[in-house]
Amino acid sequence: MYKRHIYVTLVICLGMAISMNSQTQTVMQKTVISEDQQDVLNAIEAMTQSFNSKDIEGVMSSYEKDAVVIFEPETPVTDFNALKEMFLGAFTLNPKFEYPKGHEVFVNGDTAMHIAPWTMRGVAPDGSKIHQTGLSIATLHRQKDGKWLMTFDNPHGNYLINK
């Protein structure tokens, strides 16, 4: 069960993050994005940088207090301590991920949606290689101070299609 949680944690973390070389990634298919869209993308990128550097405080500060994270299909997690443990477990896999098809960011007032297909490669504790793909769908909410935080994070956006 613990091993499964590690794998599931890896999937969620990878699904919501942007690769460290995101400057070369395609953001939507238009030349100009709004300032709000860029701020949302920056929030996702900051979470990814925290994840890649195993900075659990940085990762957790990317979410609102009562955020919902879907570590595995049909299984939402909202407990802060459980979320933290799942992310810490993912750190042990040293995952490498990318978003070869880019990102879409939509903003409506103080609510935003980030969508990104992802590919991940990592190494399980037993040394076996891991390769996974998915579709990350995350909603973010603009805080009073202007910072965007995730409220809902689902790296299994393609679950029903593949079911």
C-alpha atoms as a PDB file:
ATOM      1  CA  MET A   1       0.000   0.000   0.000  1.00  0.00           C
ATOM      2  CA  TYR A   2       2.846   2.409   0.858  1.00  0.00           C
ATOM      3  CA  LYS A   3       4.535   1.757  -2.490  1.00  0.00           C
ATOM      4  CA  ARG A   4       1.257   2.480  -4.275  1.00  0.00           C
ATOM      5  CA  HIS A   5       0.915   5.778  -2.430  1.00  0.00           C
ATOM      6  CA  ILE A   6       4.406   6.761  -3.534  1.00  0.00           C
ATOM      7  CA  TYR A   7       3.557   6.025  -7.156  1.00  0.00           C
ATOM      8  CA  VAL A   8       0.249   7.852  -6.905  1.00  0.00           C
ATOM      9  CA  THR A   9       1.923  10.822  -5.269  1.00  0.00           C
ATOM     10  CA  LEU A  10       4.401  10.966  -8.084  1.00  0.00           C
ATOM     11  CA  VAL A  11       1.619  11.085 -10.630  1.00  0.00           C
ATOM     12  CA  ILE A  12      -0.174  14.009  -8.980  1.00  0.00           C
ATOM     13  CA  CYS A  13       2.980  15.996  -8.457  1.00  0.00           C
ATOM     14  CA  LEU A  14       4.034  15.519 -11.995  1.00  0.00           C
ATOM     15  CA  GLY A  15       0.620  16.243 -13.373  1.00  0.00           C
ATOM     16  CA  MET A  16       0.354  19.658 -11.866  1.00  0.00           C
ATOM     17  CA  ALA A  17       3.899  20.866 -12.320  1.00  0.00           C
ATOM     18  CA  ILE A  18       5.704  22.527 -15.181  1.00  0.00           C
ATOM     19  CA  SER A  19       9.132  21.293 -16.191  1.00  0.00           C
ATOM     20  CA  MET A  20      12.149  23.303 -15.141  1.00  0.00           C
ATOM     21  CA  ASN A  21      12.822  24.274 -18.747  1.00  0.00           C
ATOM     22  CA  SER A  22       9.317  25.644 -19.183  1.00  0.00           C
ATOM     23  CA  GLN A  23      10.706  28.664 -21.006  1.00  0.00           C
ATOM     24  CA  THR A  24      10.902  26.421 -24.075  1.00  0.00           C
ATOM     25  CA  GLN A  25       7.402  24.999 -23.590  1.00  0.00           C
ATOM     26  CA  THR A  26       4.474  26.181 -25.676  1.00  0.00           C
ATOM     27  CA  VAL A  27       1.889  28.171 -23.747  1.00  0.00           C
ATOM     28  CA  MET A  28      -1.367  27.936 -25.639  1.00  0.00           C
ATOM     29  CA  GLN A  29      -1.061  28.506 -29.359  1.00  0.00           C
ATOM     30  CA  LYS A  30      -1.099  32.259 -29.425  1.00  0.00           C
ATOM     31  CA  THR A  31       1.755  34.697 -29.310  1.00  0.00           C
ATOM     32  CA  VAL A  32       0.550  36.914 -26.489  1.00  0.00           C
ATOM     33  CA  ILE A  33      -0.973  35.844 -23.206  1.00  0.00           C
ATOM     34  CA  SER A  34      -2.512  38.151 -20.651  1.00  0.00           C
ATOM     35  CA  GLU A  35      -0.758  39.213 -17.476  1.00  0.00           C
ATOM     36  CA  ASP A  36      -3.213  37.100 -15.455  1.00  0.00           C
ATOM     37  CA  GLN A  37      -2.476  34.027 -17.585  1.00  0.00           C
ATOM     38  CA  GLN A  38       1.250  34.558 -17.112  1.00  0.00           C
ATOM     39  CA  ASP A  39       0.778  34.958 -13.347  1.00  0.00           C
ATOM     40  CA  VAL A  40      -1.093  31.634 -13.215  1.00  0.00           C
ATOM     41  CA  LEU A  41       1.614  29.937 -15.262  1.00  0.00           C
ATOM     42  CA  ASN A  42       4.240  31.441 -12.943  1.00  0.00           C
ATOM     43  CA  ALA A  43       2.390  30.016  -9.918  1.00  0.00           C
ATOM     44  CA  ILE A  44       2.430  26.541 -11.472  1.00  0.00           C
ATOM     45  CA  GLU A  45       6.101  26.935 -12.357  1.00  0.00           C
ATOM     46  CA  ALA A  46       6.963  28.014  -8.795  1.00  0.00           C
ATOM     47  CA  MET A  47       5.264  24.897  -7.449  1.00  0.00           C
ATOM     48  CA  THR A  48       7.240  22.778  -9.909  1.00  0.00           C
ATOM     49  CA  GLN A  49      10.526  24.368  -8.908  1.00  0.00           C
ATOM     50  CA  SER A  50       9.717  23.689  -5.263  1.00  0.00           C
ATOM     51  CA  PHE A  51       8.838  20.093  -6.095  1.00  0.00           C
ATOM     52  CA  ASN A  52      12.012  19.535  -8.118  1.00  0.00           C
ATOM     53  CA  SER A  53      14.140  20.928  -5.301  1.00  0.00           C
ATOM     54  CA  LYS A  54      12.242  18.822  -2.730  1.00  0.00           C
ATOM     55  CA  ASP A  55      11.054  21.966  -0.929  1.00  0.00           C
ATOM     56  CA  ILE A  56       7.910  20.690   0.798  1.00  0.00           C
ATOM     57  CA  GLU A  57       7.044  24.095   2.250  1.00  0.00           C
ATOM     58  CA  GLY A  58       7.188  25.632  -1.227  1.00  0.00           C
ATOM     59  CA  VAL A  59       4.971  22.885  -2.615  1.00  0.00           C
ATOM     60  CA  MET A  60       2.398  23.162   0.169  1.00  0.00           C
ATOM     61  CA  SER A  61       2.321  26.958  -0.062  1.00  0.00           C
ATOM     62  CA  SER A  62       1.105  26.557  -3.661  1.00  0.00           C
ATOM     63  CA  TYR A  63      -2.294  25.366  -2.400  1.00  0.00           C
ATOM     64  CA  GLU A  64      -5.186  26.972  -0.572  1.00  0.00           C
ATOM     65  CA  LYS A  65      -5.822  25.594   2.926  1.00  0.00           C
ATOM     66  CA  ASP A  66      -8.729  23.354   1.862  1.00  0.00           C
ATOM     67  CA  ALA A  67      -7.452  22.357  -1.587  1.00  0.00           C
ATOM     68  CA  VAL A  68      -8.554  19.090  -3.180  1.00  0.00           C
ATOM     69  CA  VAL A  69      -5.857  16.954  -4.796  1.00  0.00           C
ATOM     70  CA  ILE A  70      -6.681  13.794  -6.729  1.00  0.00           C
ATOM     71  CA  PHE A  71      -3.649  11.575  -6.126  1.00  0.00           C
ATOM     72  CA  GLU A  72      -5.433   8.699  -7.845  1.00  0.00           C
ATOM     73  CA  PRO A  73      -8.656   8.631  -9.886  1.00  0.00           C
ATOM     74  CA  GLU A  74     -11.879   8.952  -7.892  1.00  0.00           C
ATOM     75  CA  THR A  75      -9.947   9.518  -4.641  1.00  0.00           C
ATOM     76  CA  PRO A  76      -9.828  13.184  -3.555  1.00  0.00           C
ATOM     77  CA  VAL A  77      -7.500  14.125  -0.699  1.00  0.00           C
ATOM     78  CA  THR A  78      -8.071  17.289   1.323  1.00  0.00           C
ATOM     79  CA  ASP A  79      -6.263  16.618   4.605  1.00  0.00           C
ATOM     80  CA  PHE A  80      -3.203  18.886   4.753  1.00  0.00           C
ATOM     81  CA  ASN A  81      -1.009  16.339   6.553  1.00  0.00           C
ATOM     82  CA  ALA A  82      -1.946  13.552   4.135  1.00  0.00           C
ATOM     83  CA  LEU A  83      -1.151  15.820   1.178  1.00  0.00           C
ATOM     84  CA  LYS A  84       2.204  16.675   2.687  1.00  0.00           C
ATOM     85  CA  GLU A  85       3.074  12.992   3.243  1.00  0.00           C
ATOM     86  CA  MET A  86       2.107  12.107  -0.326  1.00  0.00           C
ATOM     87  CA  PHE A  87       4.360  14.818  -1.737  1.00  0.00           C
ATOM     88  CA  LEU A  88       7.234  13.800   0.539  1.00  0.00           C
ATOM     89  CA  GLY A  89       6.859  10.248  -0.744  1.00  0.00           C
ATOM     90  CA  ALA A  90       7.072  11.472  -4.332  1.00  0.00           C
ATOM     91  CA  PHE A  91      10.391  13.186  -3.638  1.00  0.00           C
ATOM     92  CA  THR A  92      12.032   9.772  -3.249  1.00  0.00           C
ATOM     93  CA  LEU A  93      11.434   8.971  -6.928  1.00  0.00           C
ATOM     94  CA  ASN A  94      13.485  11.836  -8.395  1.00  0.00           C
ATOM     95  CA  PRO A  95      10.999  12.241 -11.240  1.00  0.00           C
ATOM     96  CA  LYS A  96      11.722  14.037 -14.497  1.00  0.00           C
ATOM     97  CA  PHE A  97       8.686  15.386 -16.302  1.00  0.00           C
ATOM     98  CA  GLU A  98       7.786  17.551 -19.245  1.00  0.00           C
ATOM     99  CA  TYR A  99       4.791  18.958 -21.054  1.00  0.00           C
ATOM    100  CA  PRO A 100       5.606  18.360 -24.713  1.00  0.00           C
ATOM    101  CA  LYS A 101       2.300  19.764 -25.984  1.00  0.00           C
ATOM    102  CA  GLY A 102       2.377  22.922 -23.871  1.00  0.00           C
ATOM    103  CA  HIS A 103      -0.126  24.516 -21.525  1.00  0.00           C
ATOM    104  CA  GLU A 104      -3.506  26.176 -21.665  1.00  0.00           C
ATOM    105  CA  VAL A 105      -4.431  28.806 -19.109  1.00  0.00           C
ATOM    106  CA  PHE A 106      -7.870  30.380 -18.873  1.00  0.00           C
ATOM    107  CA  VAL A 107      -8.798  33.156 -16.448  1.00  0.00           C
ATOM    108  CA  ASN A 108     -12.281  34.313 -15.436  1.00  0.00           C
ATOM    109  CA  GLY A 109     -12.090  37.001 -12.772  1.00  0.00           C
ATOM    110  CA  ASP A 110     -10.356  35.521  -9.720  1.00  0.00           C
ATOM    111  CA  THR A 111     -10.611  31.920 -10.971  1.00  0.00           C
ATOM    112  CA  ALA A 112      -8.217  30.238 -13.393  1.00  0.00           C
ATOM    113  CA  MET A 113      -7.829  26.850 -15.031  1.00  0.00           C
ATOM    114  CA  HIS A 114      -4.506  25.318 -16.064  1.00  0.00           C
ATOM    115  CA  ILE A 115      -4.531  22.329 -18.452  1.00  0.00           C
ATOM    116  CA  ALA A 116      -1.421  20.439 -19.517  1.00  0.00           C
ATOM    117  CA  PRO A 117      -0.728  16.975 -20.924  1.00  0.00           C
ATOM    118  CA  TRP A 118       2.328  15.527 -19.193  1.00  0.00           C
ATOM    119  CA  THR A 119       4.938  12.805 -19.547  1.00  0.00           C
ATOM    120  CA  MET A 120       6.963  11.578 -16.576  1.00  0.00           C
ATOM    121  CA  ARG A 121       9.978   9.349 -16.137  1.00  0.00           C
ATOM    122  CA  GLY A 122      11.315   8.351 -12.740  1.00  0.00           C
ATOM    123  CA  VAL A 123      12.862   5.520 -10.764  1.00  0.00           C
ATOM    124  CA  ALA A 124      10.943   3.508  -8.161  1.00  0.00           C
ATOM    125  CA  PRO A 125      12.588   2.607  -4.831  1.00  0.00           C
ATOM    126  CA  ASP A 126      13.256  -0.903  -6.169  1.00  0.00           C
ATOM    127  CA  GLY A 127      15.211   0.568  -9.108  1.00  0.00           C
ATOM    128  CA  SER A 128      12.575  -0.089 -11.757  1.00  0.00           C
ATOM    129  CA  LYS A 129      11.971   2.673 -14.264  1.00  0.00           C
ATOM    130  CA  ILE A 130       8.643   4.483 -14.311  1.00  0.00           C
ATOM    131  CA  HIS A 131       7.087   6.082 -17.380  1.00  0.00           C
ATOM    132  CA  GLN A 132       3.627   7.637 -17.206  1.00  0.00           C
ATOM    133  CA  THR A 133       1.499  10.129 -19.091  1.00  0.00           C
ATOM    134  CA  GLY A 134      -1.664  12.005 -18.274  1.00  0.00           C
ATOM    135  CA  LEU A 135      -3.639  15.224 -18.432  1.00  0.00           C
ATOM    136  CA  SER A 136      -3.387  17.670 -15.574  1.00  0.00           C
ATOM    137  CA  ILE A 137      -6.319  19.948 -14.825  1.00  0.00           C
ATOM    138  CA  ALA A 138      -5.904  22.455 -12.009  1.00  0.00           C
ATOM    139  CA  THR A 139      -8.043  25.346 -10.837  1.00  0.00           C
ATOM    140  CA  LEU A 140      -6.503  28.289  -9.065  1.00  0.00           C
ATOM    141  CA  HIS A 141      -7.949  31.178  -7.086  1.00  0.00           C
ATOM    142  CA  ARG A 142      -6.468  34.672  -6.893  1.00  0.00           C
ATOM    143  CA  GLN A 143      -5.902  35.672  -3.269  1.00  0.00           C
ATOM    144  CA  LYS A 144      -6.494  39.151  -1.858  1.00  0.00           C
ATOM    145  CA  ASP A 145      -2.751  39.831  -2.168  1.00  0.00           C
ATOM    146  CA  GLY A 146      -2.844  38.873  -5.887  1.00  0.00           C
ATOM    147  CA  LYS A 147      -1.102  35.503  -5.471  1.00  0.00           C
ATOM    148  CA  TRP A 148      -2.641  32.543  -7.325  1.00  0.00           C
ATOM    149  CA  LEU A 149      -3.094  29.341  -5.290  1.00  0.00           C
ATOM    150  CA  MET A 150      -4.377  25.960  -6.413  1.00  0.00           C
ATOM    151  CA  THR A 151      -7.777  24.930  -5.085  1.00  0.00           C
ATOM    152  CA  PHE A 152      -8.280  21.759  -7.132  1.00  0.00           C
ATOM    153  CA  ASP A 153      -5.559  19.630  -8.699  1.00  0.00           C
ATOM    154  CA  ASN A 154      -6.280  16.578 -10.836  1.00  0.00           C
ATOM    155  CA  PRO A 155      -3.477  15.001 -12.902  1.00  0.00           C
ATOM    156  CA  HIS A 156      -5.935  12.338 -14.087  1.00  0.00           C
ATOM    157  CA  GLY A 157      -8.060  14.541 -16.316  1.00  0.00           C
ATOM    158  CA  ASN A 158      -8.069  11.808 -18.945  1.00  0.00           C
ATOM    159  CA  TYR A 159      -9.249   9.068 -16.554  1.00  0.00           C
ATOM    160  CA  LEU A 160     -12.771   8.658 -17.931  1.00  0.00           C
ATOM    161  CA  ILE A 161     -11.559   8.665 -21.533  1.00  0.00           C
ATOM    162  CA  ASN A 162      -9.128   5.840 -20.770  1.00  0.00           C
ATOM    163  CA  LYS A 163     -11.582   3.887 -18.576  1.00  0.00           C
END
